[in-house]
Amino acid sequence: MACFLFSCKKDTPDVPEKKNEKWRTEAKTDSVGNQYYVVNTLDNTLEIRVDNKDGKTIFTEVCPTIDSTEIPEDMRNLIFYLVAPNRYVNSNNATLSLKIFLDGFELQKKYVQLLANIDLDSKKFYTKKYKVEEPLDWAYVGRNVSLVQWYGNSLLVREGTDKDLNRGGGFMGLGQRGTQLVCYERDFSIRYTKDIDASDAYYPSGDQPIIPINNYEYMLFLNDGYVGRMQIVTSVEDKWAGKQVVIWRDNLKETNNIPADYSVKITDYNIQNNVVSASYNIYDEKGQLKEKRSRKWAISNGMPLGS
C-alpha cells in the first residue's frame, strides 16, 4: 500500500499568469460559474487551476506529490471529477478527484489517485495521493457521487483495496462500496473511520440534496417531497447498537393528502436554529402548478411546526 499526504497553504497568494500547456482537461463548472481544470505544463508539472465566471484565474497550484513520470502524455489517461462547493455545507470548499492510468486506459491495472481539497476563500490547498501497483494496494471510490462534502468542513470517502473496489472488472470502483468509510478533515487528517461490513450498509451520496447535522446524521430533501433525518449505518456493530437509518421522515405528498396523480417538487430547504424548513410546489396530473407551500419541523423529532 502506498499513500502520500501533502499540504500547501497560501494566506496571500500571488496567482501567476497561465503557462503554456501541453494539454488541459475539459473544465468542470460549479454553481457560481467557477471552472476547474487540470493542466500539464511545459515544465512537466501537473497543475490544478480555477477560473472564475469572467475567465480570470483565481487559483493555481502544482500537485506536489505527482512527479513528472506520472503525468500522462495522452490526456485520455487522466479522469477527474469535481465535488463542487455546497452552499449549505462547505460554501468555499471544492474537492477534485483524479485518476491517472500509468499503464494506459486500456489496461487500468496501475494507476495513481489524487484527492485535492481547495479553499477558494483562503486559497489553502491539500492533497492526498494513492498509488496502486498491486491488487492489494489501497484506493478509493473516485466518482464525485461517492465523495461527500460533510459536516464541519470535512469529506466522506469510501476506501478499500484495488481488488475489493474493482471486483468483477469495475471502472473507477463503480458498484463497489469499499471496506471503510473515512471522514477526513480538509487537511486529510482523519476525523473518524467506520467499517463497511453490513449487507445493507447505508451512507450518503454526493448527488443527494442533504445538509449534515453531525458526524453521522443528516437531513435528506428528495425532489419528490421526501424529507427525512437519516443516519449512517454501515456495520454489524451499528446494528447491534440499535442504530436505524431513518430517524424520522415526512412524505409531503402523504401528509398533505395530495391526490395520487398529483406530484410534489421541493424548491428550497434549509436548517436554522434547530428548525428544518422546506418550500415545495404541488402540480396536478397535467403538470400544471396548483399551489406553493412551505413547512417546518423540529430537527430533533420531526414534529411539524407550521408554515
Protein backbone atom coordinates (compact mmCIF):
# COMPACT_ATOMS: atom_id res chain seq x y z
CA MET A 1 0.00 0.00 0.00
CA ALA A 2 1.30 3.40 -0.93
CA CYS A 3 -0.33 6.57 0.33
CA PHE A 4 1.00 10.12 0.47
CA LEU A 5 -0.13 13.37 2.03
CA PHE A 6 0.81 16.92 1.22
CA SER A 7 -0.46 20.29 2.31
CA CYS A 8 0.19 23.73 0.93
CA LYS A 9 -1.13 26.92 2.50
CA LYS A 10 -1.22 30.37 0.96
CA ASP A 11 -2.64 33.18 3.05
CA THR A 12 -2.00 35.93 0.49
CA PRO A 13 -1.41 34.07 -2.76
CA ASP A 14 0.02 35.58 -5.91
CA VAL A 15 -1.67 33.89 -8.85
CA PRO A 16 0.84 33.63 -11.72
CA GLU A 17 -0.02 34.08 -15.33
CA LYS A 18 -1.09 30.98 -17.19
CA LYS A 19 1.81 29.00 -18.55
CA ASN A 20 1.97 27.41 -21.96
CA GLU A 21 0.45 23.98 -21.73
CA LYS A 22 0.89 20.57 -23.28
CA TRP A 23 -2.77 19.90 -22.56
CA ARG A 24 -5.61 20.81 -20.27
CA THR A 25 -8.71 18.87 -19.34
CA GLU A 26 -12.21 19.99 -20.12
CA ALA A 27 -13.38 22.33 -17.38
CA LYS A 28 -15.81 21.33 -14.63
CA THR A 29 -18.13 24.15 -13.56
CA ASP A 30 -19.69 24.80 -10.15
CA SER A 31 -22.98 26.55 -9.38
CA VAL A 32 -21.50 30.07 -9.36
CA GLY A 33 -19.64 29.64 -12.64
CA ASN A 34 -16.12 28.85 -11.41
CA GLN A 35 -14.31 26.47 -13.76
CA TYR A 36 -11.85 23.84 -12.54
CA TYR A 37 -9.36 22.06 -14.77
CA VAL A 38 -6.11 20.10 -14.71
CA VAL A 39 -3.11 21.21 -16.77
CA ASN A 40 0.09 19.51 -17.94
CA THR A 41 2.58 22.35 -18.28
CA LEU A 42 5.66 22.65 -20.46
CA ASP A 43 7.62 22.46 -17.20
CA ASN A 44 6.39 18.87 -16.75
CA THR A 45 4.20 19.68 -13.76
CA LEU A 46 0.57 18.82 -13.13
CA GLU A 47 -1.39 21.86 -12.04
CA ILE A 48 -4.89 22.46 -10.81
CA ARG A 49 -6.39 25.77 -11.85
CA VAL A 50 -9.65 27.56 -11.19
CA ASP A 51 -11.08 30.39 -13.30
CA ASN A 52 -14.00 32.50 -12.16
CA LYS A 53 -17.06 33.08 -14.33
CA ASP A 54 -15.30 36.02 -16.02
CA GLY A 55 -12.38 33.82 -17.09
CA LYS A 56 -9.89 35.24 -14.56
CA THR A 57 -7.64 32.65 -12.92
CA ILE A 58 -8.31 32.82 -9.17
CA PHE A 59 -6.37 29.72 -8.10
CA THR A 60 -3.46 27.73 -9.46
CA GLU A 61 -1.29 25.18 -7.69
CA VAL A 62 1.12 22.43 -8.67
CA CYS A 63 0.19 18.96 -7.44
CA PRO A 64 3.39 18.42 -5.41
CA THR A 65 3.11 14.64 -4.97
CA ILE A 66 2.65 13.91 -8.69
CA ASP A 67 6.06 13.58 -10.30
CA SER A 68 6.81 14.03 -13.99
CA THR A 69 6.86 10.27 -14.69
CA GLU A 70 3.25 10.02 -13.51
CA ILE A 71 1.91 12.74 -15.79
CA PRO A 72 0.34 11.18 -18.87
CA GLU A 73 1.39 12.35 -22.30
CA ASP A 74 -2.07 11.45 -23.52
CA MET A 75 -4.83 13.32 -21.70
CA ARG A 76 -7.14 10.35 -22.23
CA ASN A 77 -5.19 8.55 -19.47
CA LEU A 78 -6.48 11.00 -16.86
CA ILE A 79 -10.01 11.26 -15.50
CA PHE A 80 -11.13 13.82 -12.95
CA TYR A 81 -14.28 14.70 -11.07
CA LEU A 82 -15.38 17.82 -9.22
CA VAL A 83 -17.16 17.78 -5.89
CA ALA A 84 -18.43 21.34 -6.04
CA PRO A 85 -18.91 23.63 -3.04
CA ASN A 86 -22.29 23.24 -1.38
CA ARG A 87 -23.91 26.42 -0.10
CA TYR A 88 -25.44 24.52 2.81
CA VAL A 89 -22.26 22.70 3.82
CA ASN A 90 -18.83 23.97 2.71
CA SER A 91 -19.58 27.04 0.65
CA ASN A 92 -15.97 27.85 -0.32
CA ASN A 93 -14.51 24.35 -0.47
CA ALA A 94 -14.18 22.17 -3.55
CA THR A 95 -12.69 18.71 -3.92
CA LEU A 96 -11.13 17.33 -7.09
CA SER A 97 -10.71 13.61 -7.66
CA LEU A 98 -8.11 12.49 -10.22
CA LYS A 99 -7.23 9.08 -11.58
CA ILE A 100 -4.15 8.68 -13.77
CA PHE A 101 -3.62 5.38 -15.58
CA LEU A 102 0.09 4.59 -15.55
CA ASP A 103 -0.24 1.64 -17.92
CA GLY A 104 -2.78 3.18 -20.26
CA PHE A 105 -6.54 3.46 -20.34
CA GLU A 106 -6.91 0.01 -21.90
CA LEU A 107 -5.22 -1.92 -19.04
CA GLN A 108 -6.07 0.17 -15.96
CA LYS A 109 -4.07 -2.09 -13.64
CA LYS A 110 -1.60 0.51 -12.37
CA TYR A 111 -2.77 3.99 -11.52
CA VAL A 112 -2.48 7.00 -9.25
CA GLN A 113 -5.44 8.56 -7.48
CA LEU A 114 -5.30 12.07 -6.09
CA LEU A 115 -7.73 13.92 -3.85
CA ALA A 116 -7.27 17.69 -3.78
CA ASN A 117 -9.13 19.97 -1.37
CA ILE A 118 -9.26 23.64 -2.39
CA ASP A 119 -10.48 26.54 -0.27
CA LEU A 120 -11.36 29.26 -2.75
CA ASP A 121 -11.53 31.88 0.01
CA SER A 122 -8.25 31.30 1.86
CA LYS A 123 -6.54 29.60 -1.14
CA LYS A 124 -5.40 26.75 1.10
CA PHE A 125 -4.71 23.55 -0.81
CA TYR A 126 -4.28 19.99 0.46
CA THR A 127 -3.73 16.75 -1.44
CA LYS A 128 -3.78 13.04 -0.66
CA LYS A 129 -2.25 10.55 -3.09
CA TYR A 130 -2.88 6.83 -3.53
CA LYS A 131 -0.61 4.80 -5.81
CA VAL A 132 -1.84 1.40 -6.92
CA GLU A 133 0.59 -1.09 -8.43
CA GLU A 134 -0.77 -4.32 -6.94
CA PRO A 135 -4.34 -5.58 -6.32
CA LEU A 136 -3.96 -5.22 -2.54
CA ASP A 137 -2.85 -1.58 -2.68
CA TRP A 138 -5.23 0.91 -1.07
CA ALA A 139 -7.55 3.01 -3.24
CA TYR A 140 -10.85 4.87 -3.01
CA VAL A 141 -14.14 5.05 -4.88
CA GLY A 142 -13.34 8.02 -7.06
CA ARG A 143 -16.59 9.29 -8.59
CA ASN A 144 -18.00 12.63 -7.48
CA VAL A 145 -21.17 10.99 -6.12
CA SER A 146 -19.02 8.76 -3.89
CA LEU A 147 -17.25 11.73 -2.29
CA VAL A 148 -19.45 13.77 0.03
CA GLN A 149 -18.87 17.24 1.47
CA TRP A 150 -19.60 16.59 5.12
CA TYR A 151 -20.34 18.11 8.49
CA GLY A 152 -17.92 20.65 9.97
CA ASN A 153 -15.86 21.17 6.82
CA SER A 154 -14.94 17.53 6.29
CA LEU A 155 -15.17 14.97 3.48
CA LEU A 156 -16.55 11.42 3.38
CA VAL A 157 -14.50 8.93 1.32
CA ARG A 158 -15.01 5.20 0.80
CA GLU A 159 -11.76 3.25 0.64
CA GLY A 160 -10.54 -0.31 0.18
CA THR A 161 -8.05 -2.40 -1.74
CA ASP A 162 -7.99 -2.23 -5.52
CA LYS A 163 -9.05 -5.89 -5.55
CA ASP A 164 -12.11 -5.02 -3.48
CA LEU A 165 -13.08 -1.78 -5.23
CA ASN A 166 -12.68 -3.11 -8.77
CA ARG A 167 -14.01 -6.59 -8.13
CA GLY A 168 -15.51 -8.02 -11.30
CA GLY A 169 -13.73 -5.61 -13.60
CA GLY A 170 -15.35 -2.44 -12.30
CA PHE A 171 -14.33 1.01 -13.52
CA MET A 172 -13.22 3.69 -11.01
CA GLY A 173 -14.64 1.47 -8.30
CA LEU A 174 -18.12 1.54 -9.79
CA GLY A 175 -20.59 -0.60 -7.90
CA GLN A 176 -18.18 -1.48 -5.09
CA ARG A 177 -18.76 0.21 -1.78
CA GLY A 178 -15.31 -0.31 -0.23
CA THR A 179 -14.41 -1.61 3.21
CA GLN A 180 -14.04 1.66 5.12
CA LEU A 181 -15.90 4.93 5.30
CA VAL A 182 -13.37 7.61 6.25
CA CYS A 183 -14.25 11.12 7.38
CA TYR A 184 -11.33 13.42 6.53
CA GLU A 185 -10.70 16.94 7.71
CA ARG A 186 -9.84 19.32 4.88
CA ASP A 187 -6.11 18.74 5.54
CA PHE A 188 -6.75 14.97 5.28
CA SER A 189 -6.19 14.24 8.93
CA ILE A 190 -8.72 11.59 9.94
CA ARG A 191 -11.76 12.57 11.97
CA TYR A 192 -13.15 9.02 12.14
CA THR A 193 -13.20 5.69 10.31
CA LYS A 194 -16.14 3.28 10.10
CA ASP A 195 -16.09 -0.30 8.85
CA ILE A 196 -18.43 -1.15 5.98
CA ASP A 197 -19.48 -4.73 6.59
CA ALA A 198 -23.28 -4.75 6.90
CA SER A 199 -25.07 -6.36 3.97
CA ASP A 200 -27.33 -3.31 3.68
CA ALA A 201 -24.81 -0.62 4.63
CA TYR A 202 -26.20 2.91 4.30
CA TYR A 203 -24.23 6.10 3.67
CA PRO A 204 -24.99 9.37 1.84
CA SER A 205 -24.29 10.01 -1.82
CA GLY A 206 -22.72 13.14 -3.23
CA ASP A 207 -25.60 13.76 -5.60
CA GLN A 208 -28.24 13.84 -2.87
CA PRO A 209 -29.69 17.15 -1.60
CA ILE A 210 -28.51 16.93 2.02
CA ILE A 211 -27.46 19.03 4.99
CA PRO A 212 -25.25 17.16 7.51
CA ILE A 213 -26.19 17.92 11.13
CA ASN A 214 -23.46 16.00 12.98
CA ASN A 215 -20.72 13.45 12.27
CA TYR A 216 -23.16 10.64 11.44
CA GLU A 217 -26.56 12.20 10.67
CA TYR A 218 -28.01 14.46 8.00
CA MET A 219 -31.23 15.86 6.65
CA LEU A 220 -32.27 14.49 3.26
CA PHE A 221 -34.51 16.52 0.91
CA LEU A 222 -35.55 14.46 -2.09
CA ASN A 223 -37.10 16.29 -5.01
CA ASP A 224 -40.33 14.25 -4.91
CA GLY A 225 -41.25 15.57 -1.47
CA TYR A 226 -39.41 13.24 0.92
CA VAL A 227 -37.83 14.94 3.94
CA GLY A 228 -36.02 12.79 6.47
CA ARG A 229 -33.42 12.78 9.19
CA MET A 230 -31.06 9.98 8.20
CA GLN A 231 -28.20 8.16 9.91
CA ILE A 232 -25.09 6.44 8.57
CA VAL A 233 -25.36 2.71 9.33
CA THR A 234 -22.51 0.70 7.82
CA SER A 235 -21.63 -2.17 10.12
CA VAL A 236 -23.00 -5.08 12.08
CA GLU A 237 -21.74 -3.22 15.15
CA ASP A 238 -24.02 -0.29 14.29
CA LYS A 239 -26.99 -2.64 14.07
CA TRP A 240 -26.15 -4.28 17.38
CA ALA A 241 -26.15 -0.81 18.88
CA GLY A 242 -29.70 -0.33 17.61
CA LYS A 243 -28.94 2.39 15.06
CA GLN A 244 -31.64 3.00 12.46
CA VAL A 245 -31.18 4.50 9.01
CA VAL A 246 -34.33 6.67 9.25
CA ILE A 247 -34.65 8.65 12.49
CA TRP A 248 -37.77 10.47 11.28
CA ARG A 249 -39.37 11.16 7.93
CA ASP A 250 -42.15 13.15 6.28
CA ASN A 251 -43.52 12.30 2.85
CA LEU A 252 -45.10 15.60 1.90
CA LYS A 253 -47.47 14.04 -0.60
CA GLU A 254 -48.91 11.73 2.03
CA THR A 255 -49.08 14.18 4.94
CA ASN A 256 -50.67 16.87 2.75
CA ASN A 257 -53.31 14.42 1.46
CA ILE A 258 -52.34 15.23 -2.12
CA PRO A 259 -54.17 13.16 -4.80
CA ALA A 260 -52.27 10.16 -6.09
CA ASP A 261 -51.98 11.55 -9.62
CA TYR A 262 -50.58 14.87 -8.36
CA SER A 263 -46.86 15.47 -7.80
CA VAL A 264 -44.70 17.41 -5.36
CA LYS A 265 -41.39 19.13 -6.01
CA ILE A 266 -39.18 20.62 -3.27
CA THR A 267 -37.89 24.01 -4.42
CA ASP A 268 -35.80 25.08 -1.39
CA TYR A 269 -34.73 23.83 2.02
CA ASN A 270 -32.66 24.92 5.00
CA ILE A 271 -31.88 24.45 8.69
CA GLN A 272 -31.81 27.34 11.16
CA ASN A 273 -31.87 27.26 14.96
CA ASN A 274 -32.68 23.53 15.02
CA VAL A 275 -35.66 24.06 12.73
CA VAL A 276 -35.85 22.31 9.36
CA SER A 277 -37.74 24.12 6.61
CA ALA A 278 -38.72 23.30 3.04
CA SER A 279 -40.65 25.06 0.30
CA TYR A 280 -42.43 22.96 -2.30
CA ASN A 281 -44.77 23.15 -5.26
CA ILE A 282 -47.80 20.97 -5.93
CA TYR A 283 -48.62 20.03 -9.54
CA ASP A 284 -51.76 18.43 -10.94
CA GLU A 285 -51.93 15.36 -13.16
CA LYS A 286 -51.16 17.52 -16.21
CA GLY A 287 -48.05 19.02 -14.62
CA GLN A 288 -49.69 22.39 -14.02
CA LEU A 289 -48.71 24.29 -10.87
CA LYS A 290 -51.60 24.24 -8.40
CA GLU A 291 -50.11 25.63 -5.18
CA LYS A 292 -46.94 26.71 -3.41
CA ARG A 293 -46.49 25.65 0.20
CA SER A 294 -43.84 25.52 2.92
CA ARG A 295 -43.38 23.50 6.08
CA LYS A 296 -41.20 23.45 9.18
CA TRP A 297 -40.17 20.64 11.50
CA ALA A 298 -38.32 20.29 14.81
CA ILE A 299 -34.98 18.79 13.89
CA SER A 300 -34.95 16.53 16.95
CA ASN A 301 -38.11 14.53 16.29
CA GLY A 302 -39.73 15.81 13.09
CA MET A 303 -42.71 17.44 14.78
CA PRO A 304 -44.40 19.85 12.34
CA LEU A 305 -44.09 23.47 13.44
CA GLY A 306 -46.40 25.07 10.87
CA SER A 307 -45.64 27.14 7.79
